[in-house]
Amino acid sequence: MVNDIFMPIVSVLTGGVDFSNWFISLNGEKYATLAAAQEAGAATLNFGLLISAIINFIIIALCLFAVVKAMNKLKKPEAPAAAPRLCPFCKSEIADDATRCPHCTSELKLAK
């Protein structure tokens, strides 16, 4: 998907720049392409391949993000949580099975 759909779009946006041939020859000589430099046995710093890998990673991450986001929208929404039980005297939150309020010590009836 990345190579067939998105990379041509990136190529059009960047004006057809081929990042794979961006390199620095560490022996000081000039080479026309990366393949020619590697064939000559020159050590190269291939920053163009790094740029291509970063662009591929970002495109793949965006695609996965879109897929996960779409899948989350298809999930059934969870029911909202029940309102907490409140003490009728001090209006503090209490446990559902409490018989006394821990804040004001009032006696409570158990909720059914």
PDB file of N, CA and C in Angstrom:
ATOM      1  N   MET A   1       0.829  -1.192   0.000  1.00  0.00           N
ATOM      2  CA  MET A   1       0.000   0.000   0.000  1.00  0.00           C
ATOM      3  C   MET A   1       0.872   1.253   0.000  1.00  0.00           C
ATOM      4  N   VAL A   2       1.931   1.230   0.786  1.00  0.00           N
ATOM      5  CA  VAL A   2       2.806   2.398   0.874  1.00  0.00           C
ATOM      6  C   VAL A   2       3.528   2.636  -0.448  1.00  0.00           C
ATOM      7  N   ASN A   3       4.134   1.566  -1.005  1.00  0.00           N
ATOM      8  CA  ASN A   3       4.902   1.725  -2.240  1.00  0.00           C
ATOM      9  C   ASN A   3       4.028   2.016  -3.454  1.00  0.00           C
ATOM     10  N   ASP A   4       2.825   1.450  -3.489  1.00  0.00           N
ATOM     11  CA  ASP A   4       1.986   1.587  -4.686  1.00  0.00           C
ATOM     12  C   ASP A   4       1.038   2.776  -4.644  1.00  0.00           C
ATOM     13  N   ILE A   5       0.651   3.233  -3.479  1.00  0.00           N
ATOM     14  CA  ILE A   5      -0.336   4.307  -3.394  1.00  0.00           C
ATOM     15  C   ILE A   5       0.267   5.597  -2.845  1.00  0.00           C
ATOM     16  N   PHE A   6       0.907   5.514  -1.685  1.00  0.00           N
ATOM     17  CA  PHE A   6       1.339   6.742  -1.013  1.00  0.00           C
ATOM     18  C   PHE A   6       2.671   7.295  -1.520  1.00  0.00           C
ATOM     19  N   MET A   7       3.640   6.421  -1.817  1.00  0.00           N
ATOM     20  CA  MET A   7       4.938   6.927  -2.266  1.00  0.00           C
ATOM     21  C   MET A   7       4.857   7.675  -3.597  1.00  0.00           C
ATOM     22  N   PRO A   8       4.007   7.251  -4.567  1.00  0.00           N
ATOM     23  CA  PRO A   8       3.864   8.079  -5.771  1.00  0.00           C
ATOM     24  C   PRO A   8       3.319   9.478  -5.462  1.00  0.00           C
ATOM     25  N   ILE A   9       2.425   9.559  -4.484  1.00  0.00           N
ATOM     26  CA  ILE A   9       1.887  10.867  -4.087  1.00  0.00           C
ATOM     27  C   ILE A   9       3.002  11.713  -3.463  1.00  0.00           C
ATOM     28  N   VAL A  10       3.822  11.097  -2.603  1.00  0.00           N
ATOM     29  CA  VAL A  10       4.948  11.809  -1.996  1.00  0.00           C
ATOM     30  C   VAL A  10       5.928  12.241  -3.081  1.00  0.00           C
ATOM     31  N   SER A  11       6.137  11.390  -4.073  1.00  0.00           N
ATOM     32  CA  SER A  11       7.037  11.720  -5.177  1.00  0.00           C
ATOM     33  C   SER A  11       6.532  12.925  -5.964  1.00  0.00           C
ATOM     34  N   VAL A  12       5.218  12.991  -6.196  1.00  0.00           N
ATOM     35  CA  VAL A  12       4.647  14.146  -6.894  1.00  0.00           C
ATOM     36  C   VAL A  12       4.791  15.399  -6.040  1.00  0.00           C
ATOM     37  N   LEU A  13       4.552  15.277  -4.737  1.00  0.00           N
ATOM     38  CA  LEU A  13       4.656  16.433  -3.845  1.00  0.00           C
ATOM     39  C   LEU A  13       6.083  16.947  -3.717  1.00  0.00           C
ATOM     40  N   THR A  14       7.067  16.044  -3.796  1.00  0.00           N
ATOM     41  CA  THR A  14       8.464  16.462  -3.677  1.00  0.00           C
ATOM     42  C   THR A  14       9.103  16.748  -5.022  1.00  0.00           C
ATOM     43  N   GLY A  15       8.334  16.673  -6.093  1.00  0.00           N
ATOM     44  CA  GLY A  15       8.873  16.976  -7.422  1.00  0.00           C
ATOM     45  C   GLY A  15       9.667  15.831  -8.012  1.00  0.00           C
ATOM     46  N   GLY A  16       9.381  14.605  -7.635  1.00  0.00           N
ATOM     47  CA  GLY A  16      10.053  13.442  -8.197  1.00  0.00           C
ATOM     48  C   GLY A  16      11.458  13.218  -7.675  1.00  0.00           C
ATOM     49  N   VAL A  17      11.774  13.745  -6.520  1.00  0.00           N
ATOM     50  CA  VAL A  17      13.111  13.583  -5.945  1.00  0.00           C
ATOM     51  C   VAL A  17      13.296  12.124  -5.517  1.00  0.00           C
ATOM     52  N   ASP A  18      14.438  11.542  -5.916  1.00  0.00           N
ATOM     53  CA  ASP A  18      14.766  10.172  -5.531  1.00  0.00           C
ATOM     54  C   ASP A  18      15.709  10.230  -4.335  1.00  0.00           C
ATOM     55  N   PHE A  19      15.180   9.974  -3.152  1.00  0.00           N
ATOM     56  CA  PHE A  19      15.981  10.056  -1.932  1.00  0.00           C
ATOM     57  C   PHE A  19      17.035   8.958  -1.854  1.00  0.00           C
ATOM     58  N   SER A  20      16.823   7.841  -2.545  1.00  0.00           N
ATOM     59  CA  SER A  20      17.734   6.710  -2.401  1.00  0.00           C
ATOM     60  C   SER A  20      19.132   7.006  -2.925  1.00  0.00           C
ATOM     61  N   ASN A  21      19.298   7.979  -3.802  1.00  0.00           N
ATOM     62  CA  ASN A  21      20.623   8.324  -4.329  1.00  0.00           C
ATOM     63  C   ASN A  21      21.252   9.513  -3.620  1.00  0.00           C
ATOM     64  N   TRP A  22      20.734   9.889  -2.475  1.00  0.00           N
ATOM     65  CA  TRP A  22      21.355  10.951  -1.687  1.00  0.00           C
ATOM     66  C   TRP A  22      22.332  10.282  -0.723  1.00  0.00           C
ATOM     67  N   PHE A  23      23.600  10.550  -0.921  1.00  0.00           N
ATOM     68  CA  PHE A  23      24.616   9.934  -0.082  1.00  0.00           C
ATOM     69  C   PHE A  23      25.859  10.810  -0.082  1.00  0.00           C
ATOM     70  N   ILE A  24      26.721  10.528   0.870  1.00  0.00           N
ATOM     71  CA  ILE A  24      28.028  11.199   0.945  1.00  0.00           C
ATOM     72  C   ILE A  24      29.077  10.102   0.897  1.00  0.00           C
ATOM     73  N   SER A  25      29.995  10.221  -0.044  1.00  0.00           N
ATOM     74  CA  SER A  25      31.088   9.269  -0.149  1.00  0.00           C
ATOM     75  C   SER A  25      32.152   9.670   0.876  1.00  0.00           C
ATOM     76  N   LEU A  26      32.537   8.746   1.722  1.00  0.00           N
ATOM     77  CA  LEU A  26      33.474   9.054   2.794  1.00  0.00           C
ATOM     78  C   LEU A  26      34.935   9.009   2.341  1.00  0.00           C
ATOM     79  N   ASN A  27      35.182   8.552   1.110  1.00  0.00           N
ATOM     80  CA  ASN A  27      36.563   8.545   0.628  1.00  0.00           C
ATOM     81  C   ASN A  27      36.906   9.810  -0.157  1.00  0.00           C
ATOM     82  N   GLY A  28      35.967  10.741  -0.290  1.00  0.00           N
ATOM     83  CA  GLY A  28      36.217  12.025  -0.929  1.00  0.00           C
ATOM     84  C   GLY A  28      35.983  12.058  -2.430  1.00  0.00           C
ATOM     85  N   GLU A  29      35.732  10.938  -3.058  1.00  0.00           N
ATOM     86  CA  GLU A  29      35.486  10.921  -4.504  1.00  0.00           C
ATOM     87  C   GLU A  29      34.008  11.114  -4.786  1.00  0.00           C
ATOM     88  N   LYS A  30      33.703  11.535  -6.025  1.00  0.00           N
ATOM     89  CA  LYS A  30      32.315  11.748  -6.445  1.00  0.00           C
ATOM     90  C   LYS A  30      31.841  10.545  -7.260  1.00  0.00           C
ATOM     91  N   TYR A  31      30.620  10.116  -6.994  1.00  0.00           N
ATOM     92  CA  TYR A  31      30.000   9.014  -7.730  1.00  0.00           C
ATOM     93  C   TYR A  31      28.627   9.470  -8.189  1.00  0.00           C
ATOM     94  N   ALA A  32      28.200   8.978  -9.350  1.00  0.00           N
ATOM     95  CA  ALA A  32      26.921   9.392  -9.919  1.00  0.00           C
ATOM     96  C   ALA A  32      25.742   8.824  -9.130  1.00  0.00           C
ATOM     97  N   THR A  33      25.871   7.576  -8.713  1.00  0.00           N
ATOM     98  CA  THR A  33      24.782   6.933  -7.978  1.00  0.00           C
ATOM     99  C   THR A  33      25.340   6.179  -6.783  1.00  0.00           C
ATOM    100  N   LEU A  34      24.452   5.800  -5.902  1.00  0.00           N
ATOM    101  CA  LEU A  34      24.838   5.012  -4.735  1.00  0.00           C
ATOM    102  C   LEU A  34      25.348   3.650  -5.166  1.00  0.00           C
ATOM    103  N   ALA A  35      24.710   3.070  -6.186  1.00  0.00           N
ATOM    104  CA  ALA A  35      25.141   1.762  -6.673  1.00  0.00           C
ATOM    105  C   ALA A  35      26.566   1.829  -7.207  1.00  0.00           C
ATOM    106  N   ALA A  36      26.911   2.903  -7.903  1.00  0.00           N
ATOM    107  CA  ALA A  36      28.272   3.055  -8.431  1.00  0.00           C
ATOM    108  C   ALA A  36      29.275   3.186  -7.293  1.00  0.00           C
ATOM    109  N   ALA A  37      28.918   3.893  -6.243  1.00  0.00           N
ATOM    110  CA  ALA A  37      29.809   4.050  -5.096  1.00  0.00           C
ATOM    111  C   ALA A  37      30.003   2.728  -4.372  1.00  0.00           C
ATOM    112  N   GLN A  38      28.952   1.963  -4.236  1.00  0.00           N
ATOM    113  CA  GLN A  38      29.062   0.674  -3.565  1.00  0.00           C
ATOM    114  C   GLN A  38      29.833  -0.331  -4.415  1.00  0.00           C
ATOM    115  N   GLU A  39      29.671  -0.249  -5.733  1.00  0.00           N
ATOM    116  CA  GLU A  39      30.409  -1.134  -6.630  1.00  0.00           C
ATOM    117  C   GLU A  39      31.905  -0.841  -6.564  1.00  0.00           C
ATOM    118  N   ALA A  40      32.261   0.433  -6.391  1.00  0.00           N
ATOM    119  CA  ALA A  40      33.666   0.818  -6.281  1.00  0.00           C
ATOM    120  C   ALA A  40      34.231   0.482  -4.901  1.00  0.00           C
ATOM    121  N   GLY A  41      33.380   0.074  -3.980  1.00  0.00           N
ATOM    122  CA  GLY A  41      33.825  -0.302  -2.638  1.00  0.00           C
ATOM    123  C   GLY A  41      34.034   0.884  -1.711  1.00  0.00           C
ATOM    124  N   ALA A  42      33.452   2.009  -2.056  1.00  0.00           N
ATOM    125  CA  ALA A  42      33.599   3.203  -1.229  1.00  0.00           C
ATOM    126  C   ALA A  42      32.643   3.146  -0.045  1.00  0.00           C
ATOM    127  N   ALA A  43      33.115   3.625   1.081  1.00  0.00           N
ATOM    128  CA  ALA A  43      32.243   3.747   2.254  1.00  0.00           C
ATOM    129  C   ALA A  43      31.348   4.967   2.045  1.00  0.00           C
ATOM    130  N   THR A  44      30.059   4.812   2.313  1.00  0.00           N
ATOM    131  CA  THR A  44      29.110   5.904   2.065  1.00  0.00           C
ATOM    132  C   THR A  44      28.239   6.133   3.275  1.00  0.00           C
ATOM    133  N   LEU A  45      27.807   7.357   3.410  1.00  0.00           N
ATOM    134  CA  LEU A  45      26.839   7.743   4.425  1.00  0.00           C
ATOM    135  C   LEU A  45      25.519   7.937   3.690  1.00  0.00           C
ATOM    136  N   ASN A  46      24.587   6.998   3.852  1.00  0.00           N
ATOM    137  CA  ASN A  46      23.359   6.941   3.057  1.00  0.00           C
ATOM    138  C   ASN A  46      22.214   7.651   3.761  1.00  0.00           C
ATOM    139  N   PHE A  47      22.254   8.964   3.827  1.00  0.00           N
ATOM    140  CA  PHE A  47      21.197   9.697   4.511  1.00  0.00           C
ATOM    141  C   PHE A  47      19.906   9.727   3.698  1.00  0.00           C
ATOM    142  N   GLY A  48      19.983   9.528   2.387  1.00  0.00           N
ATOM    143  CA  GLY A  48      18.774   9.466   1.554  1.00  0.00           C
ATOM    144  C   GLY A  48      17.932   8.248   1.872  1.00  0.00           C
ATOM    145  N   LEU A  49      18.597   7.114   2.114  1.00  0.00           N
ATOM    146  CA  LEU A  49      17.855   5.904   2.498  1.00  0.00           C
ATOM    147  C   LEU A  49      17.199   6.080   3.861  1.00  0.00           C
ATOM    148  N   LEU A  50      17.868   6.813   4.752  1.00  0.00           N
ATOM    149  CA  LEU A  50      17.278   7.108   6.063  1.00  0.00           C
ATOM    150  C   LEU A  50      16.032   7.977   5.906  1.00  0.00           C
ATOM    151  N   ILE A  51      16.107   8.974   5.037  1.00  0.00           N
ATOM    152  CA  ILE A  51      14.941   9.836   4.798  1.00  0.00           C
ATOM    153  C   ILE A  51      13.790   9.011   4.231  1.00  0.00           C
ATOM    154  N   SER A  52      14.085   8.116   3.283  1.00  0.00           N
ATOM    155  CA  SER A  52      13.039   7.248   2.718  1.00  0.00           C
ATOM    156  C   SER A  52      12.429   6.355   3.790  1.00  0.00           C
ATOM    157  N   ALA A  53      13.269   5.800   4.657  1.00  0.00           N
ATOM    158  CA  ALA A  53      12.764   4.934   5.722  1.00  0.00           C
ATOM    159  C   ALA A  53      11.887   5.717   6.697  1.00  0.00           C
ATOM    160  N   ILE A  54      12.266   6.951   7.002  1.00  0.00           N
ATOM    161  CA  ILE A  54      11.463   7.775   7.909  1.00  0.00           C
ATOM    162  C   ILE A  54      10.121   8.115   7.274  1.00  0.00           C
ATOM    163  N   ILE A  55      10.122   8.466   5.993  1.00  0.00           N
ATOM    164  CA  ILE A  55       8.867   8.765   5.299  1.00  0.00           C
ATOM    165  C   ILE A  55       7.976   7.529   5.257  1.00  0.00           C
ATOM    166  N   ASN A  56       8.554   6.364   4.957  1.00  0.00           N
ATOM    167  CA  ASN A  56       7.772   5.117   4.956  1.00  0.00           C
ATOM    168  C   ASN A  56       7.187   4.833   6.331  1.00  0.00           C
ATOM    169  N   PHE A  57       7.986   5.029   7.381  1.00  0.00           N
ATOM    170  CA  PHE A  57       7.507   4.789   8.739  1.00  0.00           C
ATOM    171  C   PHE A  57       6.338   5.706   9.077  1.00  0.00           C
ATOM    172  N   ILE A  58       6.457   6.978   8.739  1.00  0.00           N
ATOM    173  CA  ILE A  58       5.387   7.934   9.048  1.00  0.00           C
ATOM    174  C   ILE A  58       4.114   7.580   8.292  1.00  0.00           C
ATOM    175  N   ILE A  59       4.249   7.203   7.017  1.00  0.00           N
ATOM    176  CA  ILE A  59       3.063   6.836   6.235  1.00  0.00           C
ATOM    177  C   ILE A  59       2.412   5.587   6.804  1.00  0.00           C
ATOM    178  N   ILE A  60       3.212   4.583   7.156  1.00  0.00           N
ATOM    179  CA  ILE A  60       2.655   3.357   7.732  1.00  0.00           C
ATOM    180  C   ILE A  60       2.001   3.649   9.077  1.00  0.00           C
ATOM    181  N   ALA A  61       2.628   4.492   9.892  1.00  0.00           N
ATOM    182  CA  ALA A  61       2.041   4.846  11.193  1.00  0.00           C
ATOM    183  C   ALA A  61       0.709   5.564  11.011  1.00  0.00           C
ATOM    184  N   LEU A  62       0.618   6.463  10.040  1.00  0.00           N
ATOM    185  CA  LEU A  62      -0.645   7.159   9.782  1.00  0.00           C
ATOM    186  C   LEU A  62      -1.726   6.201   9.303  1.00  0.00           C
ATOM    187  N   CYS A  63      -1.343   5.241   8.457  1.00  0.00           N
ATOM    188  CA  CYS A  63      -2.314   4.235   7.989  1.00  0.00           C
ATOM    189  C   CYS A  63      -2.820   3.385   9.151  1.00  0.00           C
ATOM    190  N   LEU A  64      -1.910   2.926  10.000  1.00  0.00           N
ATOM    191  CA  LEU A  64      -2.330   2.134  11.157  1.00  0.00           C
ATOM    192  C   LEU A  64      -3.192   2.949  12.110  1.00  0.00           C
ATOM    193  N   PHE A  65      -2.850   4.208  12.296  1.00  0.00           N
ATOM    194  CA  PHE A  65      -3.658   5.084  13.143  1.00  0.00           C
ATOM    195  C   PHE A  65      -5.071   5.205  12.595  1.00  0.00           C
ATOM    196  N   ALA A  66      -5.179   5.376  11.270  1.00  0.00           N
ATOM    197  CA  ALA A  66      -6.503   5.503  10.656  1.00  0.00           C
ATOM    198  C   ALA A  66      -7.305   4.211  10.804  1.00  0.00           C
ATOM    199  N   VAL A  67      -6.651   3.069  10.646  1.00  0.00           N
ATOM    200  CA  VAL A  67      -7.343   1.782  10.782  1.00  0.00           C
ATOM    201  C   VAL A  67      -7.814   1.584  12.216  1.00  0.00           C
ATOM    202  N   VAL A  68      -6.960   1.850  13.192  1.00  0.00           N
ATOM    203  CA  VAL A  68      -7.338   1.681  14.599  1.00  0.00           C
ATOM    204  C   VAL A  68      -8.455   2.644  14.972  1.00  0.00           C
ATOM    205  N   LYS A  69      -8.367   3.878  14.483  1.00  0.00           N
ATOM    206  CA  LYS A  69      -9.416   4.856  14.774  1.00  0.00           C
ATOM    207  C   LYS A  69     -10.760   4.408  14.193  1.00  0.00           C
ATOM    208  N   ALA A  70     -10.748   3.862  12.965  1.00  0.00           N
ATOM    209  CA  ALA A  70     -11.979   3.365  12.344  1.00  0.00           C
ATOM    210  C   ALA A  70     -12.531   2.170  13.119  1.00  0.00           C
ATOM    211  N   MET A  71     -11.644   1.279  13.575  1.00  0.00           N
ATOM    212  CA  MET A  71     -12.107   0.126  14.350  1.00  0.00           C
ATOM    213  C   MET A  71     -12.708   0.560  15.685  1.00  0.00           C
ATOM    214  N   ASN A  72     -12.130   1.580  16.308  1.00  0.00           N
ATOM    215  CA  ASN A  72     -12.680   2.069  17.576  1.00  0.00           C
ATOM    216  C   ASN A  72     -14.053   2.692  17.385  1.00  0.00           C
ATOM    217  N   LYS A  73     -14.292   3.301  16.235  1.00  0.00           N
ATOM    218  CA  LYS A  73     -15.619   3.867  15.981  1.00  0.00           C
ATOM    219  C   LYS A  73     -16.663   2.778  15.800  1.00  0.00           C
ATOM    220  N   LEU A  74     -16.249   1.601  15.333  1.00  0.00           N
ATOM    221  CA  LEU A  74     -17.179   0.499  15.128  1.00  0.00           C
ATOM    222  C   LEU A  74     -17.549  -0.207  16.421  1.00  0.00           C
ATOM    223  N   LYS A  75     -16.737  -0.005  17.470  1.00  0.00           N
ATOM    224  CA  LYS A  75     -17.032  -0.639  18.750  1.00  0.00           C
ATOM    225  C   LYS A  75     -18.336  -0.110  19.335  1.00  0.00           C
ATOM    226  N   LYS A  76     -19.004  -0.975  20.075  1.00  0.00           N
ATOM    227  CA  LYS A  76     -20.222  -0.580  20.766  1.00  0.00           C
ATOM    228  C   LYS A  76     -19.841   0.304  21.955  1.00  0.00           C
ATOM    229  N   PRO A  77     -20.456   1.460  22.102  1.00  0.00           N
ATOM    230  CA  PRO A  77     -20.099   2.325  23.235  1.00  0.00           C
ATOM    231  C   PRO A  77     -20.493   1.669  24.564  1.00  0.00           C
ATOM    232  N   GLU A  78     -19.666   1.900  25.561  1.00  0.00           N
ATOM    233  CA  GLU A  78     -19.928   1.338  26.882  1.00  0.00           C
ATOM    234  C   GLU A  78     -21.020   2.130  27.590  1.00  0.00           C
ATOM    235  N   ALA A  79     -21.778   1.419  28.435  1.00  0.00           N
ATOM    236  CA  ALA A  79     -22.825   2.081  29.210  1.00  0.00           C
ATOM    237  C   ALA A  79     -22.181   2.989  30.251  1.00  0.00           C
ATOM    238  N   PRO A  80     -22.766   4.139  30.496  1.00  0.00           N
ATOM    239  CA  PRO A  80     -22.176   5.028  31.508  1.00  0.00           C
ATOM    240  C   PRO A  80     -22.247   4.387  32.892  1.00  0.00           C
ATOM    241  N   ALA A  81     -21.277   4.690  33.720  1.00  0.00           N
ATOM    242  CA  ALA A  81     -21.217   4.136  35.076  1.00  0.00           C
ATOM    243  C   ALA A  81     -22.370   4.684  35.912  1.00  0.00           C
ATOM    244  N   ALA A  82     -22.828   3.850  36.834  1.00  0.00           N
ATOM    245  CA  ALA A  82     -23.916   4.262  37.716  1.00  0.00           C
ATOM    246  C   ALA A  82     -23.432   5.387  38.633  1.00  0.00           C
ATOM    247  N   ALA A  83     -24.347   6.253  38.990  1.00  0.00           N
ATOM    248  CA  ALA A  83     -24.009   7.367  39.884  1.00  0.00           C
ATOM    249  C   ALA A  83     -23.631   6.809  41.254  1.00  0.00           C
ATOM    250  N   PRO A  84     -22.647   7.395  41.905  1.00  0.00           N
ATOM    251  CA  PRO A  84     -22.242   6.893  43.223  1.00  0.00           C
ATOM    252  C   PRO A  84     -23.350   7.129  44.259  1.00  0.00           C
ATOM    253  N   ARG A  85     -23.377   6.282  45.266  1.00  0.00           N
ATOM    254  CA  ARG A  85     -24.351   6.421  46.351  1.00  0.00           C
ATOM    255  C   ARG A  85     -23.899   7.565  47.253  1.00  0.00           C
ATOM    256  N   LEU A  86     -24.834   8.441  47.607  1.00  0.00           N
ATOM    257  CA  LEU A  86     -24.524   9.595  48.450  1.00  0.00           C
ATOM    258  C   LEU A  86     -25.216   9.460  49.798  1.00  0.00           C
ATOM    259  N   CYS A  87     -24.541   9.943  50.821  1.00  0.00           N
ATOM    260  CA  CYS A  87     -25.130   9.984  52.157  1.00  0.00           C
ATOM    261  C   CYS A  87     -26.252  11.034  52.126  1.00  0.00           C
ATOM    262  N   PRO A  88     -27.460  10.703  52.608  1.00  0.00           N
ATOM    263  CA  PRO A  88     -28.551  11.679  52.574  1.00  0.00           C
ATOM    264  C   PRO A  88     -28.347  12.846  53.540  1.00  0.00           C
ATOM    265  N   PHE A  89     -27.412  12.703  54.476  1.00  0.00           N
ATOM    266  CA  PHE A  89     -27.205  13.755  55.469  1.00  0.00           C
ATOM    267  C   PHE A  89     -26.076  14.716  55.083  1.00  0.00           C
ATOM    268  N   CYS A  90     -24.900  14.157  54.727  1.00  0.00           N
ATOM    269  CA  CYS A  90     -23.762  15.038  54.426  1.00  0.00           C
ATOM    270  C   CYS A  90     -23.429  15.093  52.938  1.00  0.00           C
ATOM    271  N   LYS A  91     -24.118  14.294  52.130  1.00  0.00           N
ATOM    272  CA  LYS A  91     -23.960  14.259  50.674  1.00  0.00           C
ATOM    273  C   LYS A  91     -22.565  13.811  50.221  1.00  0.00           C
ATOM    274  N   SER A  92     -21.859  13.032  51.044  1.00  0.00           N
ATOM    275  CA  SER A  92     -20.564  12.476  50.674  1.00  0.00           C
ATOM    276  C   SER A  92     -20.767  11.131  49.999  1.00  0.00           C
ATOM    277  N   GLU A  93     -19.822  10.735  49.168  1.00  0.00           N
ATOM    278  CA  GLU A  93     -19.909   9.423  48.515  1.00  0.00           C
ATOM    279  C   GLU A  93     -19.638   8.338  49.539  1.00  0.00           C
ATOM    280  N   ILE A  94     -20.434   7.261  49.440  1.00  0.00           N
ATOM    281  CA  ILE A  94     -20.257   6.129  50.346  1.00  0.00           C
ATOM    282  C   ILE A  94     -20.349   4.838  49.547  1.00  0.00           C
ATOM    283  N   ALA A  95     -19.858   3.754  50.128  1.00  0.00           N
ATOM    284  CA  ALA A  95     -19.933   2.446  49.483  1.00  0.00           C
ATOM    285  C   ALA A  95     -21.378   1.981  49.451  1.00  0.00           C
ATOM    286  N   ASP A  96     -21.704   1.152  48.448  1.00  0.00           N
ATOM    287  CA  ASP A  96     -23.085   0.688  48.299  1.00  0.00           C
ATOM    288  C   ASP A  96     -23.535  -0.199  49.454  1.00  0.00           C
ATOM    289  N   ASP A  97     -22.598  -0.896  50.091  1.00  0.00           N
ATOM    290  CA  ASP A  97     -22.987  -1.795  51.178  1.00  0.00           C
ATOM    291  C   ASP A  97     -22.740  -1.192  52.569  1.00  0.00           C
ATOM    292  N   ALA A  98     -22.488   0.106  52.641  1.00  0.00           N
ATOM    293  CA  ALA A  98     -22.223   0.756  53.932  1.00  0.00           C
ATOM    294  C   ALA A  98     -23.501   0.903  54.746  1.00  0.00           C
ATOM    295  N   THR A  99     -23.393   0.708  56.081  1.00  0.00           N
ATOM    296  CA  THR A  99     -24.530   0.908  56.980  1.00  0.00           C
ATOM    297  C   THR A  99     -24.369   2.199  57.770  1.00  0.00           C
ATOM    298  N   ARG A 100     -23.156   2.760  57.770  1.00  0.00           N
ATOM    299  CA  ARG A 100     -22.892   4.056  58.402  1.00  0.00           C
ATOM    300  C   ARG A 100     -22.053   4.890  57.444  1.00  0.00           C
ATOM    301  N   CYS A 101     -22.275   6.177  57.462  1.00  0.00           N
ATOM    302  CA  CYS A 101     -21.490   7.095  56.646  1.00  0.00           C
ATOM    303  C   CYS A 101     -20.123   7.270  57.310  1.00  0.00           C
ATOM    304  N   PRO A 102     -19.018   7.089  56.574  1.00  0.00           N
ATOM    305  CA  PRO A 102     -17.699   7.249  57.183  1.00  0.00           C
ATOM    306  C   PRO A 102     -17.353   8.710  57.481  1.00  0.00           C
ATOM    307  N   HIS A 103     -18.129   9.638  56.958  1.00  0.00           N
ATOM    308  CA  HIS A 103     -17.827  11.056  57.154  1.00  0.00           C
ATOM    309  C   HIS A 103     -18.608  11.667  58.324  1.00  0.00           C
ATOM    310  N   CYS A 104     -19.918  11.379  58.362  1.00  0.00           N
ATOM    311  CA  CYS A 104     -20.728  11.992  59.412  1.00  0.00           C
ATOM    312  C   CYS A 104     -21.265  10.969  60.408  1.00  0.00           C
ATOM    313  N   THR A 105     -20.967   9.698  60.213  1.00  0.00           N
ATOM    314  CA  THR A 105     -21.354   8.559  61.065  1.00  0.00           C
ATOM    315  C   THR A 105     -22.856   8.377  61.210  1.00  0.00           C
ATOM    316  N   SER A 106     -23.634   8.885  60.272  1.00  0.00           N
ATOM    317  CA  SER A 106     -25.083   8.680  60.312  1.00  0.00           C
ATOM    318  C   SER A 106     -25.399   7.243  59.930  1.00  0.00           C
ATOM    319  N   GLU A 107     -26.452   6.697  60.544  1.00  0.00           N
ATOM    320  CA  GLU A 107     -26.895   5.364  60.196  1.00  0.00           C
ATOM    321  C   GLU A 107     -27.657   5.429  58.869  1.00  0.00           C
ATOM    322  N   LEU A 108     -27.364   4.458  58.016  1.00  0.00           N
ATOM    323  CA  LEU A 108     -27.956   4.438  56.664  1.00  0.00           C
ATOM    324  C   LEU A 108     -28.712   3.145  56.452  1.00  0.00           C
ATOM    325  N   LYS A 109     -29.681   3.203  55.565  1.00  0.00           N
ATOM    326  CA  LYS A 109     -30.380   2.003  55.138  1.00  0.00           C
ATOM    327  C   LYS A 109     -29.634   1.459  53.934  1.00  0.00           C
ATOM    328  N   LEU A 110     -29.522   0.140  53.827  1.00  0.00           N
ATOM    329  CA  LEU A 110     -28.840  -0.479  52.690  1.00  0.00           C
ATOM    330  C   LEU A 110     -29.624  -0.233  51.422  1.00  0.00           C
ATOM    331  N   ALA A 111     -28.891   0.025  50.353  1.00  0.00           N
ATOM    332  CA  ALA A 111     -29.534   0.227  49.047  1.00  0.00           C
ATOM    333  C   ALA A 111     -29.953  -1.128  48.501  1.00  0.00           C
ATOM    334  N   LYS A 112     -31.097  -1.155  47.859  1.00  0.00           N
ATOM    335  CA  LYS A 112     -31.599  -2.433  47.310  1.00  0.00           C
ATOM    336  C   LYS A 112     -31.292  -2.537  45.861  1.00  0.00           C
TER     337      LYS A 112
END
